[in-house]
Amino acid sequence: MNLQQVIEKFTKYPKYMECGAGKLSRRFRCSKEDIYKARQIVREEKNRVIRGNIKILVFDIETTPTISYTWRRFQENIALDQVIHDPIMLTWSAMWLDSDDVMSDRLTPEEVLSFNDYRIVKSLWELINEADVVVAHYGDKFDIPMLNARAIINDIPPFSFAESIDTKRIASKYFRFPSNKLDALATYFGFENKIKTDFTLWRRCMEGDSDAIEEMSIYCDQDVRILKKVYLKLRPYIKSHPNVGLYVDTNKPVCSHCGSSNLTEDGSYYTRASKFKVFRCECGALSRVRQNSFKGLKSKDLLVSNAK
């Protein structure tokens, strides 16, 4: 078999992908190198989704507080039978990264009073299912787990697989800001701030005040607009950012962070045995090519120190 025939065999019978290269080379009567190449090509094609653009959803949710009976205001352990009702989703707002339109949904006064958030959990579920990547501030610790909790309670199946970017985690990991709150980051970067509010707004929402629920939705909309700007500001620094280039249908090199082909060569990246060209995008992010610049030179031909 030639390389193309091996690729076709892997595509038709995926179970062969897990077999050893030696066994397959004898079975297909080809070289081990062809097995390795075919396996890599099939895996890359499997991960490659041609859409012209990756679908990145920036979103935020607001929830009701826990309602319970307590005896003290501080250091109180609240037993299960003291809880009147656990939090539910009150409103959500979201934006596609390539759009300026804010989408949102909120509970009606009747849904608030009956603690029924099924409708808006389902509407956000449908939106997230379209996304390749979701962006939320403190999303890995709050928004996504909260969504999962409300989904399973409402008998809604799991969300489709989408990679998550938590801007609070990114701010904590790569920077040392005095505060990693969304409003603080907006202030540092010179963006508009969150709408000022206090607990009275949540209290009015819980009482079924339709004007308060609308105010809460507007508050959430503003959070998403700020979050989108904060994410774009942080994006060039995110080393673990999903590879946007996999979603772009082009043969040209593109930025792994934003998908732009406006790249400028910016030095080289070295490992202990390889050298790769580095490119800087107009968005500021750095990307490196996958091809080793030491063509024809195998890693075993290099002298590598064992010193730690």
C-alpha atoms as a PDB file:
ATOM      1  CA  MET A   1       0.000   0.000   0.000  1.00  0.00           C
ATOM      2  CA  ASN A   2       1.068   3.562  -0.589  1.00  0.00           C
ATOM      3  CA  LEU A   3       0.540   6.428   1.891  1.00  0.00           C
ATOM      4  CA  GLN A   4      -2.852   7.466   0.478  1.00  0.00           C
ATOM      5  CA  GLN A   5      -4.186   3.912   0.676  1.00  0.00           C
ATOM      6  CA  VAL A   6      -3.088   3.644   4.310  1.00  0.00           C
ATOM      7  CA  ILE A   7      -4.898   6.921   5.071  1.00  0.00           C
ATOM      8  CA  GLU A   8      -8.063   5.575   3.443  1.00  0.00           C
ATOM      9  CA  LYS A   9      -7.768   2.362   5.453  1.00  0.00           C
ATOM     10  CA  PHE A  10      -7.410   4.308   8.749  1.00  0.00           C
ATOM     11  CA  THR A  11     -10.366   6.505   7.836  1.00  0.00           C
ATOM     12  CA  LYS A  12     -12.594   3.542   7.013  1.00  0.00           C
ATOM     13  CA  TYR A  13     -11.457   1.356   9.919  1.00  0.00           C
ATOM     14  CA  PRO A  14     -10.514   3.641  12.897  1.00  0.00           C
ATOM     15  CA  LYS A  15      -9.651   0.603  15.044  1.00  0.00           C
ATOM     16  CA  TYR A  16      -6.403   0.240  13.075  1.00  0.00           C
ATOM     17  CA  MET A  17      -5.248   3.585  14.543  1.00  0.00           C
ATOM     18  CA  GLU A  18      -4.627   1.851  17.882  1.00  0.00           C
ATOM     19  CA  CYS A  19      -2.497  -0.991  16.461  1.00  0.00           C
ATOM     20  CA  GLY A  20       1.298  -0.997  16.539  1.00  0.00           C
ATOM     21  CA  ALA A  21       3.205   0.445  13.582  1.00  0.00           C
ATOM     22  CA  GLY A  22       5.276  -2.716  13.101  1.00  0.00           C
ATOM     23  CA  LYS A  23       2.243  -4.966  12.929  1.00  0.00           C
ATOM     24  CA  LEU A  24       0.438  -2.620  10.545  1.00  0.00           C
ATOM     25  CA  SER A  25       3.439  -2.169   8.255  1.00  0.00           C
ATOM     26  CA  ARG A  26       3.592  -5.952   7.770  1.00  0.00           C
ATOM     27  CA  ARG A  27      -0.172  -6.213   7.329  1.00  0.00           C
ATOM     28  CA  PHE A  28      -0.415  -3.331   4.832  1.00  0.00           C
ATOM     29  CA  ARG A  29       3.001  -4.058   3.229  1.00  0.00           C
ATOM     30  CA  CYS A  30       4.294  -0.545   3.694  1.00  0.00           C
ATOM     31  CA  SER A  31       6.956   1.208   5.757  1.00  0.00           C
ATOM     32  CA  LYS A  32       6.573   2.235   9.385  1.00  0.00           C
ATOM     33  CA  GLU A  33       7.131   5.845   8.298  1.00  0.00           C
ATOM     34  CA  ASP A  34       4.001   5.672   6.137  1.00  0.00           C
ATOM     35  CA  ILE A  35       2.051   4.336   9.124  1.00  0.00           C
ATOM     36  CA  TYR A  36       3.242   7.233  11.309  1.00  0.00           C
ATOM     37  CA  LYS A  37       2.497   9.832   8.620  1.00  0.00           C
ATOM     38  CA  ALA A  38      -0.949   8.398   7.848  1.00  0.00           C
ATOM     39  CA  ARG A  39      -1.848   8.257  11.521  1.00  0.00           C
ATOM     40  CA  GLN A  40      -0.850  11.900  12.017  1.00  0.00           C
ATOM     41  CA  ILE A  41      -2.779  13.062   8.941  1.00  0.00           C
ATOM     42  CA  VAL A  42      -5.951  11.232   9.970  1.00  0.00           C
ATOM     43  CA  ARG A  43      -5.787  12.620  13.509  1.00  0.00           C
ATOM     44  CA  GLU A  44      -5.286  16.170  12.246  1.00  0.00           C
ATOM     45  CA  GLU A  45      -8.188  15.830   9.844  1.00  0.00           C
ATOM     46  CA  LYS A  46     -10.366  14.460  12.619  1.00  0.00           C
ATOM     47  CA  ASN A  47      -9.624  17.496  14.776  1.00  0.00           C
ATOM     48  CA  ARG A  48      -9.974  19.940  11.922  1.00  0.00           C
ATOM     49  CA  VAL A  49     -13.390  21.548  11.549  1.00  0.00           C
ATOM     50  CA  ILE A  50     -13.735  23.635   8.410  1.00  0.00           C
ATOM     51  CA  ARG A  51     -16.081  26.520   9.143  1.00  0.00           C
ATOM     52  CA  GLY A  52     -14.167  29.505   7.879  1.00  0.00           C
ATOM     53  CA  ASN A  53     -14.209  30.767  11.463  1.00  0.00           C
ATOM     54  CA  ILE A  54     -14.141  29.316  14.941  1.00  0.00           C
ATOM     55  CA  LYS A  55     -17.303  29.996  16.963  1.00  0.00           C
ATOM     56  CA  ILE A  56     -16.331  31.628  20.272  1.00  0.00           C
ATOM     57  CA  LEU A  57     -19.144  32.477  22.680  1.00  0.00           C
ATOM     58  CA  VAL A  58     -18.617  35.043  25.456  1.00  0.00           C
ATOM     59  CA  PHE A  59     -21.260  34.652  28.154  1.00  0.00           C
ATOM     60  CA  ASP A  60     -22.286  35.471  31.715  1.00  0.00           C
ATOM     61  CA  ILE A  61     -25.103  34.351  34.005  1.00  0.00           C
ATOM     62  CA  GLU A  62     -26.820  35.850  37.031  1.00  0.00           C
ATOM     63  CA  THR A  63     -28.428  33.653  39.668  1.00  0.00           C
ATOM     64  CA  THR A  64     -30.740  34.058  42.610  1.00  0.00           C
ATOM     65  CA  PRO A  65     -29.317  33.786  46.146  1.00  0.00           C
ATOM     66  CA  THR A  66     -29.885  30.831  48.439  1.00  0.00           C
ATOM     67  CA  ILE A  67     -32.959  31.398  50.604  1.00  0.00           C
ATOM     68  CA  SER A  68     -32.674  29.899  54.086  1.00  0.00           C
ATOM     69  CA  TYR A  69     -33.450  30.257  57.799  1.00  0.00           C
ATOM     70  CA  THR A  70     -30.465  31.209  59.988  1.00  0.00           C
ATOM     71  CA  TRP A  71     -29.908  32.238  63.593  1.00  0.00           C
ATOM     72  CA  ARG A  72     -26.689  34.147  63.119  1.00  0.00           C
ATOM     73  CA  ARG A  73     -25.238  36.463  60.475  1.00  0.00           C
ATOM     74  CA  PHE A  74     -21.666  35.151  60.590  1.00  0.00           C
ATOM     75  CA  GLN A  75     -20.022  31.716  60.621  1.00  0.00           C
ATOM     76  CA  GLU A  76     -23.307  29.899  60.282  1.00  0.00           C
ATOM     77  CA  ASN A  77     -23.494  26.300  59.061  1.00  0.00           C
ATOM     78  CA  ILE A  78     -26.797  26.002  57.230  1.00  0.00           C
ATOM     79  CA  ALA A  79     -28.340  22.539  57.400  1.00  0.00           C
ATOM     80  CA  LEU A  80     -30.270  21.098  54.469  1.00  0.00           C
ATOM     81  CA  ASP A  81     -33.611  21.417  56.270  1.00  0.00           C
ATOM     82  CA  GLN A  82     -32.947  25.140  56.871  1.00  0.00           C
ATOM     83  CA  VAL A  83     -32.814  25.831  53.126  1.00  0.00           C
ATOM     84  CA  ILE A  84     -36.010  27.172  51.566  1.00  0.00           C
ATOM     85  CA  HIS A  85     -34.626  27.116  48.027  1.00  0.00           C
ATOM     86  CA  ASP A  86     -31.230  26.823  46.354  1.00  0.00           C
ATOM     87  CA  PRO A  87     -30.060  29.267  43.651  1.00  0.00           C
ATOM     88  CA  ILE A  88     -31.548  29.138  40.155  1.00  0.00           C
ATOM     89  CA  MET A  89     -30.533  30.951  36.998  1.00  0.00           C
ATOM     90  CA  LEU A  90     -32.133  34.393  36.793  1.00  0.00           C
ATOM     91  CA  THR A  91     -30.762  35.730  33.507  1.00  0.00           C
ATOM     92  CA  TRP A  92     -28.002  35.150  30.968  1.00  0.00           C
ATOM     93  CA  SER A  93     -26.301  37.261  28.319  1.00  0.00           C
ATOM     94  CA  ALA A  94     -23.926  36.213  25.529  1.00  0.00           C
ATOM     95  CA  MET A  95     -22.096  37.494  22.440  1.00  0.00           C
ATOM     96  CA  TRP A  96     -20.406  35.762  19.558  1.00  0.00           C
ATOM     97  CA  LEU A  97     -16.858  37.071  19.358  1.00  0.00           C
ATOM     98  CA  ASP A  98     -17.289  38.215  15.747  1.00  0.00           C
ATOM     99  CA  SER A  99     -20.519  40.107  16.488  1.00  0.00           C
ATOM    100  CA  ASP A 100     -21.502  43.241  18.414  1.00  0.00           C
ATOM    101  CA  ASP A 101     -25.004  41.961  19.167  1.00  0.00           C
ATOM    102  CA  VAL A 102     -25.824  40.882  22.718  1.00  0.00           C
ATOM    103  CA  MET A 103     -28.196  37.932  23.092  1.00  0.00           C
ATOM    104  CA  SER A 104     -30.002  37.404  26.374  1.00  0.00           C
ATOM    105  CA  ASP A 105     -32.838  35.670  28.149  1.00  0.00           C
ATOM    106  CA  ARG A 106     -34.426  36.190  31.566  1.00  0.00           C
ATOM    107  CA  LEU A 107     -37.071  34.674  33.778  1.00  0.00           C
ATOM    108  CA  THR A 108     -40.587  36.045  33.867  1.00  0.00           C
ATOM    109  CA  PRO A 109     -41.971  37.166  37.261  1.00  0.00           C
ATOM    110  CA  GLU A 110     -44.085  33.995  37.314  1.00  0.00           C
ATOM    111  CA  GLU A 111     -41.028  31.806  36.684  1.00  0.00           C
ATOM    112  CA  VAL A 112     -39.102  33.570  39.457  1.00  0.00           C
ATOM    113  CA  LEU A 113     -41.879  33.065  41.998  1.00  0.00           C
ATOM    114  CA  SER A 114     -42.193  29.385  41.049  1.00  0.00           C
ATOM    115  CA  PHE A 115     -38.385  28.856  40.917  1.00  0.00           C
ATOM    116  CA  ASN A 116     -38.642  27.528  37.353  1.00  0.00           C
ATOM    117  CA  ASP A 117     -35.559  28.291  35.247  1.00  0.00           C
ATOM    118  CA  TYR A 118     -35.965  25.434  32.729  1.00  0.00           C
ATOM    119  CA  ARG A 119     -36.744  27.708  29.787  1.00  0.00           C
ATOM    120  CA  ILE A 120     -33.686  29.960  30.047  1.00  0.00           C
ATOM    121  CA  VAL A 121     -31.329  27.109  30.964  1.00  0.00           C
ATOM    122  CA  LYS A 122     -32.490  25.359  27.787  1.00  0.00           C
ATOM    123  CA  SER A 123     -32.080  28.497  25.642  1.00  0.00           C
ATOM    124  CA  LEU A 124     -28.487  28.967  26.846  1.00  0.00           C
ATOM    125  CA  TRP A 125     -27.869  25.222  26.425  1.00  0.00           C
ATOM    126  CA  GLU A 126     -28.867  25.488  22.749  1.00  0.00           C
ATOM    127  CA  LEU A 127     -26.499  28.436  22.244  1.00  0.00           C
ATOM    128  CA  ILE A 128     -23.507  26.781  23.926  1.00  0.00           C
ATOM    129  CA  ASN A 129     -24.061  23.673  21.820  1.00  0.00           C
ATOM    130  CA  GLU A 130     -23.216  25.786  18.755  1.00  0.00           C
ATOM    131  CA  ALA A 131     -19.933  27.012  20.232  1.00  0.00           C
ATOM    132  CA  ASP A 132     -16.424  25.646  19.766  1.00  0.00           C
ATOM    133  CA  VAL A 133     -15.064  27.740  22.649  1.00  0.00           C
ATOM    134  CA  VAL A 134     -16.834  29.479  25.542  1.00  0.00           C
ATOM    135  CA  VAL A 135     -15.400  32.432  27.478  1.00  0.00           C
ATOM    136  CA  ALA A 136     -16.573  33.365  30.978  1.00  0.00           C
ATOM    137  CA  HIS A 137     -15.056  35.187  33.945  1.00  0.00           C
ATOM    138  CA  TYR A 138     -14.678  32.642  36.773  1.00  0.00           C
ATOM    139  CA  GLY A 139     -16.449  30.314  34.373  1.00  0.00           C
ATOM    140  CA  ASP A 140     -14.541  27.151  35.308  1.00  0.00           C
ATOM    141  CA  LYS A 141     -15.447  27.575  38.983  1.00  0.00           C
ATOM    142  CA  PHE A 142     -18.921  29.099  38.803  1.00  0.00           C
ATOM    143  CA  ASP A 143     -20.751  29.668  35.504  1.00  0.00           C
ATOM    144  CA  ILE A 144     -20.140  26.275  33.889  1.00  0.00           C
ATOM    145  CA  PRO A 145     -20.643  24.175  37.078  1.00  0.00           C
ATOM    146  CA  MET A 146     -23.790  26.187  37.837  1.00  0.00           C
ATOM    147  CA  LEU A 147     -25.085  25.551  34.322  1.00  0.00           C
ATOM    148  CA  ASN A 148     -24.372  21.849  34.681  1.00  0.00           C
ATOM    149  CA  ALA A 149     -26.209  21.764  38.018  1.00  0.00           C
ATOM    150  CA  ARG A 150     -29.290  23.524  36.651  1.00  0.00           C
ATOM    151  CA  ALA A 151     -29.209  21.365  33.499  1.00  0.00           C
ATOM    152  CA  ILE A 152     -29.208  18.042  35.355  1.00  0.00           C
ATOM    153  CA  ILE A 153     -31.899  19.226  37.786  1.00  0.00           C
ATOM    154  CA  ASN A 154     -34.045  20.254  34.802  1.00  0.00           C
ATOM    155  CA  ASP A 155     -33.402  16.910  33.024  1.00  0.00           C
ATOM    156  CA  ILE A 156     -31.419  18.594  30.243  1.00  0.00           C
ATOM    157  CA  PRO A 157     -28.612  16.449  28.741  1.00  0.00           C
ATOM    158  CA  PRO A 158     -24.929  17.476  28.996  1.00  0.00           C
ATOM    159  CA  PHE A 159     -23.665  20.354  26.908  1.00  0.00           C
ATOM    160  CA  SER A 160     -21.718  19.500  23.778  1.00  0.00           C
ATOM    161  CA  PHE A 161     -17.938  19.575  24.087  1.00  0.00           C
ATOM    162  CA  ALA A 162     -16.599  23.118  23.919  1.00  0.00           C
ATOM    163  CA  GLU A 163     -13.244  24.317  25.175  1.00  0.00           C
ATOM    164  CA  SER A 164     -13.422  26.774  28.053  1.00  0.00           C
ATOM    165  CA  ILE A 165     -11.445  29.958  28.637  1.00  0.00           C
ATOM    166  CA  ASP A 166     -11.752  31.394  32.146  1.00  0.00           C
ATOM    167  CA  THR A 167     -10.479  34.992  32.075  1.00  0.00           C
ATOM    168  CA  LYS A 168     -10.158  35.111  35.854  1.00  0.00           C
ATOM    169  CA  ARG A 169      -7.931  32.027  35.824  1.00  0.00           C
ATOM    170  CA  ILE A 170      -5.888  33.535  32.971  1.00  0.00           C
ATOM    171  CA  ALA A 171      -5.461  36.819  34.861  1.00  0.00           C
ATOM    172  CA  SER A 172      -4.333  34.930  37.979  1.00  0.00           C
ATOM    173  CA  LYS A 173      -1.970  32.600  36.102  1.00  0.00           C
ATOM    174  CA  TYR A 174      -0.102  35.003  33.828  1.00  0.00           C
ATOM    175  CA  PHE A 175      -0.287  38.330  35.679  1.00  0.00           C
ATOM    176  CA  ARG A 176      -0.100  39.856  39.121  1.00  0.00           C
ATOM    177  CA  PHE A 177      -2.883  42.429  39.175  1.00  0.00           C
ATOM    178  CA  PRO A 178      -3.975  43.921  42.511  1.00  0.00           C
ATOM    179  CA  SER A 179      -7.401  42.398  41.805  1.00  0.00           C
ATOM    180  CA  ASN A 180      -8.601  39.863  39.240  1.00  0.00           C
ATOM    181  CA  LYS A 181     -12.252  40.878  39.380  1.00  0.00           C
ATOM    182  CA  LEU A 182     -13.815  41.699  36.024  1.00  0.00           C
ATOM    183  CA  ASP A 183     -14.543  45.293  37.005  1.00  0.00           C
ATOM    184  CA  ALA A 184     -10.970  45.766  38.239  1.00  0.00           C
ATOM    185  CA  LEU A 185      -9.492  44.398  34.999  1.00  0.00           C
ATOM    186  CA  ALA A 186     -11.756  46.720  33.027  1.00  0.00           C
ATOM    187  CA  THR A 187     -10.438  49.654  35.055  1.00  0.00           C
ATOM    188  CA  TYR A 188      -6.780  48.657  34.524  1.00  0.00           C
ATOM    189  CA  PHE A 189      -7.321  48.417  30.764  1.00  0.00           C
ATOM    190  CA  GLY A 190      -9.305  51.664  30.483  1.00  0.00           C
ATOM    191  CA  PHE A 191     -12.626  50.033  29.573  1.00  0.00           C
ATOM    192  CA  GLU A 192     -16.081  51.045  30.784  1.00  0.00           C
ATOM    193  CA  ASN A 193     -17.072  49.620  34.149  1.00  0.00           C
ATOM    194  CA  LYS A 194     -19.846  47.370  35.391  1.00  0.00           C
ATOM    195  CA  ILE A 195     -23.217  48.920  36.212  1.00  0.00           C
ATOM    196  CA  LYS A 196     -23.307  49.819  39.903  1.00  0.00           C
ATOM    197  CA  THR A 197     -25.870  47.902  41.911  1.00  0.00           C
ATOM    198  CA  ASP A 198     -26.495  46.332  45.313  1.00  0.00           C
ATOM    199  CA  PHE A 199     -28.472  43.510  46.874  1.00  0.00           C
ATOM    200  CA  THR A 200     -31.751  45.422  46.679  1.00  0.00           C
ATOM    201  CA  LEU A 201     -31.842  44.606  42.965  1.00  0.00           C
ATOM    202  CA  TRP A 202     -31.673  40.851  43.730  1.00  0.00           C
ATOM    203  CA  ARG A 203     -34.309  41.264  46.451  1.00  0.00           C
ATOM    204  CA  ARG A 204     -36.693  42.981  44.016  1.00  0.00           C
ATOM    205  CA  CYS A 205     -36.078  40.263  41.430  1.00  0.00           C
ATOM    206  CA  MET A 206     -36.927  37.577  43.990  1.00  0.00           C
ATOM    207  CA  GLU A 207     -40.195  39.383  44.698  1.00  0.00           C
ATOM    208  CA  GLY A 208     -41.178  39.069  41.048  1.00  0.00           C
ATOM    209  CA  ASP A 209     -40.598  42.729  40.116  1.00  0.00           C
ATOM    210  CA  SER A 210     -40.537  42.757  36.293  1.00  0.00           C
ATOM    211  CA  ASP A 211     -38.663  46.083  36.157  1.00  0.00           C
ATOM    212  CA  ALA A 212     -35.952  44.679  38.450  1.00  0.00           C
ATOM    213  CA  ILE A 213     -35.598  41.543  36.320  1.00  0.00           C
ATOM    214  CA  GLU A 214     -35.153  43.757  33.249  1.00  0.00           C
ATOM    215  CA  GLU A 215     -32.530  45.821  35.120  1.00  0.00           C
ATOM    216  CA  MET A 216     -30.718  42.590  36.000  1.00  0.00           C
ATOM    217  CA  SER A 217     -30.683  41.591  32.333  1.00  0.00           C
ATOM    218  CA  ILE A 218     -29.205  44.987  31.364  1.00  0.00           C
ATOM    219  CA  TYR A 219     -26.604  44.559  34.133  1.00  0.00           C
ATOM    220  CA  CYS A 220     -25.668  41.141  32.713  1.00  0.00           C
ATOM    221  CA  ASP A 221     -25.499  42.545  29.154  1.00  0.00           C
ATOM    222  CA  GLN A 222     -22.940  45.120  30.283  1.00  0.00           C
ATOM    223  CA  ASP A 223     -20.839  42.414  31.969  1.00  0.00           C
ATOM    224  CA  VAL A 224     -20.635  40.503  28.687  1.00  0.00           C
ATOM    225  CA  ARG A 225     -19.579  43.591  26.702  1.00  0.00           C
ATOM    226  CA  ILE A 226     -16.784  44.215  29.216  1.00  0.00           C
ATOM    227  CA  LEU A 227     -15.811  40.543  29.271  1.00  0.00           C
ATOM    228  CA  LYS A 228     -15.386  40.456  25.501  1.00  0.00           C
ATOM    229  CA  LYS A 229     -12.967  43.414  25.621  1.00  0.00           C
ATOM    230  CA  VAL A 230     -11.043  41.938  28.569  1.00  0.00           C
ATOM    231  CA  TYR A 231     -10.727  38.579  26.798  1.00  0.00           C
ATOM    232  CA  LEU A 232      -9.373  40.195  23.610  1.00  0.00           C
ATOM    233  CA  LYS A 233      -6.871  42.168  25.713  1.00  0.00           C
ATOM    234  CA  LEU A 234      -5.656  39.024  27.489  1.00  0.00           C
ATOM    235  CA  ARG A 235      -5.757  36.713  24.458  1.00  0.00           C
ATOM    236  CA  PRO A 236      -2.200  37.250  23.127  1.00  0.00           C
ATOM    237  CA  TYR A 237      -0.801  36.100  26.495  1.00  0.00           C
ATOM    238  CA  ILE A 238      -2.832  32.871  26.746  1.00  0.00           C
ATOM    239  CA  LYS A 239      -0.310  30.117  26.012  1.00  0.00           C
ATOM    240  CA  SER A 240      -2.959  27.398  26.306  1.00  0.00           C
ATOM    241  CA  HIS A 241      -5.388  29.128  23.938  1.00  0.00           C
ATOM    242  CA  PRO A 242      -7.315  26.750  21.619  1.00  0.00           C
ATOM    243  CA  ASN A 243      -5.709  26.547  18.185  1.00  0.00           C
ATOM    244  CA  VAL A 244      -7.930  28.767  16.036  1.00  0.00           C
ATOM    245  CA  GLY A 245      -5.863  27.808  12.968  1.00  0.00           C
ATOM    246  CA  LEU A 246      -7.518  24.377  12.939  1.00  0.00           C
ATOM    247  CA  TYR A 247     -10.816  26.022  12.013  1.00  0.00           C
ATOM    248  CA  VAL A 248      -9.534  28.200   9.161  1.00  0.00           C
ATOM    249  CA  ASP A 249      -9.817  26.797   5.650  1.00  0.00           C
ATOM    250  CA  THR A 250      -6.537  28.026   4.156  1.00  0.00           C
ATOM    251  CA  ASN A 251      -3.114  26.724   3.199  1.00  0.00           C
ATOM    252  CA  LYS A 252      -1.420  29.864   4.539  1.00  0.00           C
ATOM    253  CA  PRO A 253       0.104  29.988   8.029  1.00  0.00           C
ATOM    254  CA  VAL A 254      -2.328  31.622  10.453  1.00  0.00           C
ATOM    255  CA  CYS A 255      -2.207  32.848  14.046  1.00  0.00           C
ATOM    256  CA  SER A 256      -3.112  30.112  16.514  1.00  0.00           C
ATOM    257  CA  HIS A 257      -4.913  32.670  18.719  1.00  0.00           C
ATOM    258  CA  CYS A 258      -7.037  34.707  16.287  1.00  0.00           C
ATOM    259  CA  GLY A 259      -6.705  33.025  12.864  1.00  0.00           C
ATOM    260  CA  SER A 260      -5.167  36.024  11.091  1.00  0.00           C
ATOM    261  CA  SER A 261      -2.632  35.419   8.307  1.00  0.00           C
ATOM    262  CA  ASN A 262      -0.951  38.784   8.909  1.00  0.00           C
ATOM    263  CA  LEU A 263       2.179  37.314  10.517  1.00  0.00           C
ATOM    264  CA  THR A 264       5.752  38.562  10.851  1.00  0.00           C
ATOM    265  CA  GLU A 265       8.710  36.281  11.552  1.00  0.00           C
ATOM    266  CA  ASP A 266       9.976  36.951  15.064  1.00  0.00           C
ATOM    267  CA  GLY A 267      12.960  34.746  15.896  1.00  0.00           C
ATOM    268  CA  SER A 268      13.096  31.067  16.762  1.00  0.00           C
ATOM    269  CA  TYR A 269      11.961  28.730  19.528  1.00  0.00           C
ATOM    270  CA  TYR A 270      14.416  26.063  20.684  1.00  0.00           C
ATOM    271  CA  THR A 271      13.875  22.783  22.470  1.00  0.00           C
ATOM    272  CA  ARG A 272      16.669  20.439  23.584  1.00  0.00           C
ATOM    273  CA  ALA A 273      16.740  18.867  20.130  1.00  0.00           C
ATOM    274  CA  SER A 274      14.759  21.075  17.733  1.00  0.00           C
ATOM    275  CA  LYS A 275      14.389  24.578  16.352  1.00  0.00           C
ATOM    276  CA  PHE A 276      11.119  26.160  15.194  1.00  0.00           C
ATOM    277  CA  LYS A 277      10.383  29.468  13.493  1.00  0.00           C
ATOM    278  CA  VAL A 278       8.307  31.898  15.558  1.00  0.00           C
ATOM    279  CA  PHE A 279       5.795  34.346  14.089  1.00  0.00           C
ATOM    280  CA  ARG A 280       4.086  37.344  15.695  1.00  0.00           C
ATOM    281  CA  CYS A 281       0.531  38.165  14.672  1.00  0.00           C
ATOM    282  CA  GLU A 282      -1.037  41.598  14.314  1.00  0.00           C
ATOM    283  CA  CYS A 283      -3.047  40.735  17.457  1.00  0.00           C
ATOM    284  CA  GLY A 284       0.235  40.469  19.368  1.00  0.00           C
ATOM    285  CA  ALA A 285       0.232  36.711  19.923  1.00  0.00           C
ATOM    286  CA  LEU A 286       3.223  34.498  19.150  1.00  0.00           C
ATOM    287  CA  SER A 287       2.934  31.225  17.252  1.00  0.00           C
ATOM    288  CA  ARG A 288       5.506  28.722  16.119  1.00  0.00           C
ATOM    289  CA  VAL A 289       5.523  26.387  13.150  1.00  0.00           C
ATOM    290  CA  ARG A 290       5.374  22.643  13.722  1.00  0.00           C
ATOM    291  CA  GLN A 291       8.178  21.793  11.322  1.00  0.00           C
ATOM    292  CA  ASN A 292      11.653  21.408  12.781  1.00  0.00           C
ATOM    293  CA  SER A 293      14.114  23.813  11.163  1.00  0.00           C
ATOM    294  CA  PHE A 294      16.865  21.191  11.498  1.00  0.00           C
ATOM    295  CA  LYS A 295      15.740  19.373   8.359  1.00  0.00           C
ATOM    296  CA  GLY A 296      17.317  16.006   7.813  1.00  0.00           C
ATOM    297  CA  LEU A 297      18.993  16.106  11.207  1.00  0.00           C
ATOM    298  CA  LYS A 298      17.637  13.556  13.639  1.00  0.00           C
ATOM    299  CA  SER A 299      17.520  14.195  17.355  1.00  0.00           C
ATOM    300  CA  LYS A 300      19.913  11.297  17.961  1.00  0.00           C
ATOM    301  CA  ASP A 301      22.555  13.160  15.902  1.00  0.00           C
ATOM    302  CA  LEU A 302      22.517  16.099  18.359  1.00  0.00           C
ATOM    303  CA  LEU A 303      24.610  16.193  21.512  1.00  0.00           C
ATOM    304  CA  VAL A 304      22.238  16.854  24.372  1.00  0.00           C
ATOM    305  CA  SER A 305      23.497  17.439  27.909  1.00  0.00           C
ATOM    306  CA  ASN A 306      22.051  15.300  30.690  1.00  0.00           C
ATOM    307  CA  ALA A 307      22.846  17.932  33.282  1.00  0.00           C
ATOM    308  CA  LYS A 308      19.839  19.216  35.196  1.00  0.00           C
END
